[in-house]
C-alpha atoms as a PDB file:
ATOM      1  CA  MET A   1      -0.973   8.347 -11.815  1.00  0.00           C
ATOM      2  CA  ASP A   2      -3.376   6.459  -9.590  1.00  0.00           C
ATOM      3  CA  LEU A   3      -1.644   5.747  -6.287  1.00  0.00           C
ATOM      4  CA  TYR A   4      -3.031   3.320  -3.713  1.00  0.00           C
ATOM      5  CA  ILE A   5      -1.397   3.567  -0.296  1.00  0.00           C
ATOM      6  CA  ILE A   6      -1.960   0.449   1.808  1.00  0.00           C
ATOM      7  CA  ARG A   7      -1.013  -0.406   5.361  1.00  0.00           C
ATOM      8  CA  HIS A   8      -0.179  -4.086   5.892  1.00  0.00           C
ATOM      9  CA  GLY A   9      -2.748  -6.413   7.422  1.00  0.00           C
ATOM     10  CA  ILE A  10      -2.947  -7.612  11.023  1.00  0.00           C
ATOM     11  CA  ALA A  11       0.387  -9.127  12.045  1.00  0.00           C
ATOM     12  CA  ALA A  12       1.482 -11.471  14.805  1.00  0.00           C
ATOM     13  CA  ASP A  13       2.747  -9.780  17.945  1.00  0.00           C
ATOM     14  CA  LEU A  14       5.610 -12.205  18.465  1.00  0.00           C
ATOM     15  CA  ALA A  15       8.378 -13.268  16.080  1.00  0.00           C
ATOM     16  CA  PRO A  16      12.164 -13.622  16.251  1.00  0.00           C
ATOM     17  CA  SER A  17      12.383 -10.010  15.047  1.00  0.00           C
ATOM     18  CA  ASP A  18      10.035  -7.212  13.997  1.00  0.00           C
ATOM     19  CA  ARG A  19      11.042  -7.748  10.345  1.00  0.00           C
ATOM     20  CA  GLU A  20       9.814 -11.358  10.533  1.00  0.00           C
ATOM     21  CA  ARG A  21       6.339 -10.751  11.962  1.00  0.00           C
ATOM     22  CA  PRO A  22       3.875 -12.552   9.635  1.00  0.00           C
ATOM     23  CA  LEU A  23       0.224 -11.786   9.023  1.00  0.00           C
ATOM     24  CA  THR A  24      -2.150 -13.619  11.317  1.00  0.00           C
ATOM     25  CA  PRO A  25      -4.826 -15.876   9.760  1.00  0.00           C
ATOM     26  CA  PRO A  26      -7.453 -13.125  10.345  1.00  0.00           C
ATOM     27  CA  GLY A  27      -5.018 -10.604   8.828  1.00  0.00           C
ATOM     28  CA  LYS A  28      -4.636 -12.737   5.704  1.00  0.00           C
ATOM     29  CA  GLU A  29      -8.400 -13.182   5.376  1.00  0.00           C
ATOM     30  CA  GLN A  30      -9.035  -9.476   5.845  1.00  0.00           C
ATOM     31  CA  MET A  31      -6.517  -8.662   3.098  1.00  0.00           C
ATOM     32  CA  ARG A  32      -8.085 -11.247   0.763  1.00  0.00           C
ATOM     33  CA  GLN A  33     -11.431  -9.518   1.279  1.00  0.00           C
ATOM     34  CA  MET A  34      -9.906  -6.076   0.672  1.00  0.00           C
ATOM     35  CA  ALA A  35      -8.193  -7.305  -2.509  1.00  0.00           C
ATOM     36  CA  ALA A  36     -11.458  -8.849  -3.731  1.00  0.00           C
ATOM     37  CA  TRP A  37     -13.243  -5.557  -3.025  1.00  0.00           C
ATOM     38  CA  LEU A  38     -10.630  -3.630  -5.014  1.00  0.00           C
ATOM     39  CA  ALA A  39     -10.932  -6.045  -7.944  1.00  0.00           C
ATOM     40  CA  LYS A  40     -14.739  -5.773  -7.852  1.00  0.00           C
ATOM     41  CA  GLN A  41     -14.417  -1.969  -8.044  1.00  0.00           C
ATOM     42  CA  GLY A  42     -12.103  -2.300 -11.055  1.00  0.00           C
ATOM     43  CA  THR A  43      -9.293  -0.843  -8.945  1.00  0.00           C
ATOM     44  CA  ILE A  44      -6.390  -2.874 -10.247  1.00  0.00           C
ATOM     45  CA  PRO A  45      -2.908  -1.423  -9.950  1.00  0.00           C
ATOM     46  CA  GLN A  46      -0.400  -2.194 -12.689  1.00  0.00           C
ATOM     47  CA  LYS A  47       2.435  -2.446 -10.168  1.00  0.00           C
ATOM     48  CA  ILE A  48       2.802  -3.125  -6.439  1.00  0.00           C
ATOM     49  CA  ILE A  49       5.757  -1.824  -4.441  1.00  0.00           C
ATOM     50  CA  SER A  50       6.169  -3.368  -0.995  1.00  0.00           C
ATOM     51  CA  SER A  51       8.275  -3.001   2.101  1.00  0.00           C
ATOM     52  CA  PRO A  52      10.613  -5.987   2.543  1.00  0.00           C
ATOM     53  CA  LEU A  53       9.198  -6.846   5.987  1.00  0.00           C
ATOM     54  CA  VAL A  54       7.351 -10.175   6.016  1.00  0.00           C
ATOM     55  CA  ARG A  55       3.919  -8.772   6.930  1.00  0.00           C
ATOM     56  CA  ALA A  56       4.056  -6.214   4.108  1.00  0.00           C
ATOM     57  CA  VAL A  57       5.285  -8.747   1.542  1.00  0.00           C
ATOM     58  CA  GLN A  58       2.467 -11.119   2.526  1.00  0.00           C
ATOM     59  CA  THR A  59      -0.032  -8.262   2.209  1.00  0.00           C
ATOM     60  CA  ALA A  60       1.355  -7.371  -1.233  1.00  0.00           C
ATOM     61  CA  GLU A  61       1.235 -11.007  -2.380  1.00  0.00           C
ATOM     62  CA  ILE A  62      -2.393 -11.329  -1.300  1.00  0.00           C
ATOM     63  CA  LEU A  63      -3.194  -8.091  -3.132  1.00  0.00           C
ATOM     64  CA  ARG A  64      -1.286  -9.251  -6.227  1.00  0.00           C
ATOM     65  CA  ASP A  65      -3.128 -12.567  -6.332  1.00  0.00           C
ATOM     66  CA  GLY A  66      -6.484 -10.994  -5.497  1.00  0.00           C
ATOM     67  CA  VAL A  67      -6.383  -8.515  -8.371  1.00  0.00           C
ATOM     68  CA  GLY A  68      -4.814 -10.956 -10.844  1.00  0.00           C
ATOM     69  CA  LEU A  69      -1.302  -9.558 -11.263  1.00  0.00           C
ATOM     70  CA  ASP A  70       1.823 -11.570 -12.030  1.00  0.00           C
ATOM     71  CA  ALA A  71       4.934 -11.952  -9.858  1.00  0.00           C
ATOM     72  CA  GLU A  72       6.888  -9.525 -12.081  1.00  0.00           C
ATOM     73  CA  ASP A  73       4.280  -6.836 -11.326  1.00  0.00           C
ATOM     74  CA  MET A  74       5.499  -6.705  -7.712  1.00  0.00           C
ATOM     75  CA  LEU A  75       8.648  -4.989  -6.464  1.00  0.00           C
ATOM     76  CA  ILE A  76      10.012  -5.447  -2.948  1.00  0.00           C
ATOM     77  CA  SER A  77      12.018  -2.347  -2.065  1.00  0.00           C
ATOM     78  CA  ASN A  78      13.945  -1.117   0.963  1.00  0.00           C
ATOM     79  CA  ILE A  79      12.584   2.324   0.079  1.00  0.00           C
ATOM     80  CA  MET A  80       9.309   1.117   1.623  1.00  0.00           C
ATOM     81  CA  ALA A  81      10.924  -0.168   4.857  1.00  0.00           C
ATOM     82  CA  PRO A  82       9.876   1.582   8.078  1.00  0.00           C
ATOM     83  CA  GLY A  83      11.246   5.087   8.374  1.00  0.00           C
ATOM     84  CA  ALA A  84      11.386   5.509   4.627  1.00  0.00           C
ATOM     85  CA  ASP A  85      11.863   8.864   2.917  1.00  0.00           C
ATOM     86  CA  PRO A  86       8.876  10.081   0.835  1.00  0.00           C
ATOM     87  CA  GLN A  87      11.251  11.815  -1.578  1.00  0.00           C
ATOM     88  CA  LYS A  88      12.976   8.502  -2.400  1.00  0.00           C
ATOM     89  CA  LEU A  89       9.579   6.879  -2.988  1.00  0.00           C
ATOM     90  CA  CYS A  90       8.643   9.814  -5.182  1.00  0.00           C
ATOM     91  CA  GLU A  91      11.756   9.259  -7.306  1.00  0.00           C
ATOM     92  CA  LEU A  92      10.975   5.539  -7.584  1.00  0.00           C
ATOM     93  CA  LEU A  93       7.436   6.347  -8.736  1.00  0.00           C
ATOM     94  CA  GLU A  94       8.751   8.810 -11.319  1.00  0.00           C
ATOM     95  CA  ASN A  95      10.889   6.049 -12.814  1.00  0.00           C
ATOM     96  CA  THR A  96       8.054   3.564 -13.269  1.00  0.00           C
ATOM     97  CA  SER A  97       6.060   3.344 -16.463  1.00  0.00           C
ATOM     98  CA  ALA A  98       2.976   2.149 -14.559  1.00  0.00           C
ATOM     99  CA  GLN A  99       0.072   4.582 -14.424  1.00  0.00           C
ATOM    100  CA  SER A 100      -1.478   2.808 -11.450  1.00  0.00           C
ATOM    101  CA  VAL A 101       0.671   1.795  -8.461  1.00  0.00           C
ATOM    102  CA  ALA A 102      -0.108   0.296  -5.067  1.00  0.00           C
ATOM    103  CA  ILE A 103       2.417   0.752  -2.273  1.00  0.00           C
ATOM    104  CA  VAL A 104       2.348  -1.445   0.823  1.00  0.00           C
ATOM    105  CA  GLY A 105       3.981  -0.178   3.973  1.00  0.00           C
ATOM    106  CA  HIS A 106       3.780   0.551   7.654  1.00  0.00           C
ATOM    107  CA  ALA A 107       2.454   3.154  10.074  1.00  0.00           C
ATOM    108  CA  PRO A 108       3.308   5.951  10.426  1.00  0.00           C
ATOM    109  CA  ASP A 109       4.951   5.918   6.986  1.00  0.00           C
ATOM    110  CA  VAL A 110       1.665   5.383   5.132  1.00  0.00           C
ATOM    111  CA  GLN A 111       0.303   8.519   6.796  1.00  0.00           C
ATOM    112  CA  VAL A 112       3.447  10.439   5.847  1.00  0.00           C
ATOM    113  CA  TYR A 113       3.180   9.264   2.223  1.00  0.00           C
ATOM    114  CA  THR A 114      -0.482  10.212   2.015  1.00  0.00           C
ATOM    115  CA  SER A 115       0.210  13.663   3.423  1.00  0.00           C
ATOM    116  CA  PHE A 116       3.224  14.131   1.132  1.00  0.00           C
ATOM    117  CA  PHE A 117       1.422  13.140  -2.065  1.00  0.00           C
ATOM    118  CA  ALA A 118      -1.838  14.911  -1.170  1.00  0.00           C
ATOM    119  CA  GLY A 119      -0.082  18.115  -0.148  1.00  0.00           C
ATOM    120  CA  GLY A 120      -1.050  18.002   3.518  1.00  0.00           C
ATOM    121  CA  GLY A 121      -3.520  16.557   5.972  1.00  0.00           C
ATOM    122  CA  TRP A 122      -3.269  13.439   8.091  1.00  0.00           C
ATOM    123  CA  LEU A 123      -5.259  10.210   7.935  1.00  0.00           C
ATOM    124  CA  SER A 124      -5.201   7.652  10.689  1.00  0.00           C
ATOM    125  CA  PHE A 125      -4.416   4.328   8.993  1.00  0.00           C
ATOM    126  CA  GLY A 126      -5.539   1.156  10.715  1.00  0.00           C
ATOM    127  CA  ARG A 127      -4.290  -2.191   9.486  1.00  0.00           C
ATOM    128  CA  ALA A 128      -5.364  -3.052   5.921  1.00  0.00           C
ATOM    129  CA  ASN A 129      -6.617   0.510   5.305  1.00  0.00           C
ATOM    130  CA  ILE A 130      -6.284   1.878   1.768  1.00  0.00           C
ATOM    131  CA  ALA A 131      -6.088   5.440   0.489  1.00  0.00           C
ATOM    132  CA  SER A 132      -6.581   6.235  -3.202  1.00  0.00           C
ATOM    133  CA  LEU A 133      -4.915   9.305  -4.660  1.00  0.00           C
ATOM    134  CA  GLU A 134      -4.989  10.740  -8.158  1.00  0.00           C
ATOM    135  CA  ILE A 135      -1.800  12.534  -9.195  1.00  0.00           C
ATOM    136  CA  HIS A 136      -1.659  14.503 -12.425  1.00  0.00           C
ATOM    137  CA  GLY A 137       1.824  15.035 -13.803  1.00  0.00           C
ATOM    138  CA  SER A 138       4.967  14.210 -11.870  1.00  0.00           C
ATOM    139  CA  PRO A 139       4.453  12.635  -8.423  1.00  0.00           C
ATOM    140  CA  CYS A 140       7.411  14.722  -7.221  1.00  0.00           C
ATOM    141  CA  ALA A 141       6.127  18.038  -8.544  1.00  0.00           C
ATOM    142  CA  GLU A 142       2.337  17.857  -8.285  1.00  0.00           C
ATOM    143  CA  HIS A 143       0.067  17.337  -5.324  1.00  0.00           C
ATOM    144  CA  GLY A 144      -2.497  14.636  -5.709  1.00  0.00           C
ATOM    145  CA  LEU A 145      -6.134  14.495  -4.830  1.00  0.00           C
ATOM    146  CA  LEU A 146      -7.381  12.079  -2.180  1.00  0.00           C
ATOM    147  CA  ARG A 147     -10.221  10.233  -3.927  1.00  0.00           C
ATOM    148  CA  TRP A 148     -11.216   7.830  -1.199  1.00  0.00           C
ATOM    149  CA  PHE A 149     -10.087   6.126   1.990  1.00  0.00           C
ATOM    150  CA  VAL A 150     -11.450   2.772   3.091  1.00  0.00           C
ATOM    151  CA  SER A 151     -10.983   0.334   5.964  1.00  0.00           C
ATOM    152  CA  PRO A 152     -12.066  -3.269   6.438  1.00  0.00           C
ATOM    153  CA  ARG A 153     -14.489  -2.087   9.143  1.00  0.00           C
ATOM    154  CA  MET A 154     -16.154   0.367   6.721  1.00  0.00           C
ATOM    155  CA  LEU A 155     -16.730  -2.548   4.334  1.00  0.00           C
ATOM    156  CA  GLY A 156     -17.929  -4.913   7.039  1.00  0.00           C
ATOM    157  CA  PHE A 157     -14.860  -7.152   6.982  1.00  0.00           C
END
């Protein structure tokens, strides 16, 4: 399985609640550029799984549209909400037929997921950062290999 772990884009500081914080206009533009970069690389997930928080859903929608997926290729799941359990995500990934999945979540969860699926280590995820892992066999039983890690700054966005 190809697994892309993505932290949501830049979000507004103020909203009625943390769950409702939307992406800022620069955050949306940055994610559009990241999605276009992924598509240009041929890095197109078959499925996107997103946290239900507004900023993550908006990030996932921009990614979905940018790489040409359909609405049914995106799943919004409480498993991806802040404080999520990597084991529950692992089980969700095991039950998908997709061989290429992008997950959209929050810090520090994206770091925890990357460490869990790569078998250790710690990456510092800024907003709109993406890690690419290659997992052979079961995501729950096998450690993956970190292929690359990219940020908007690294790409000049």
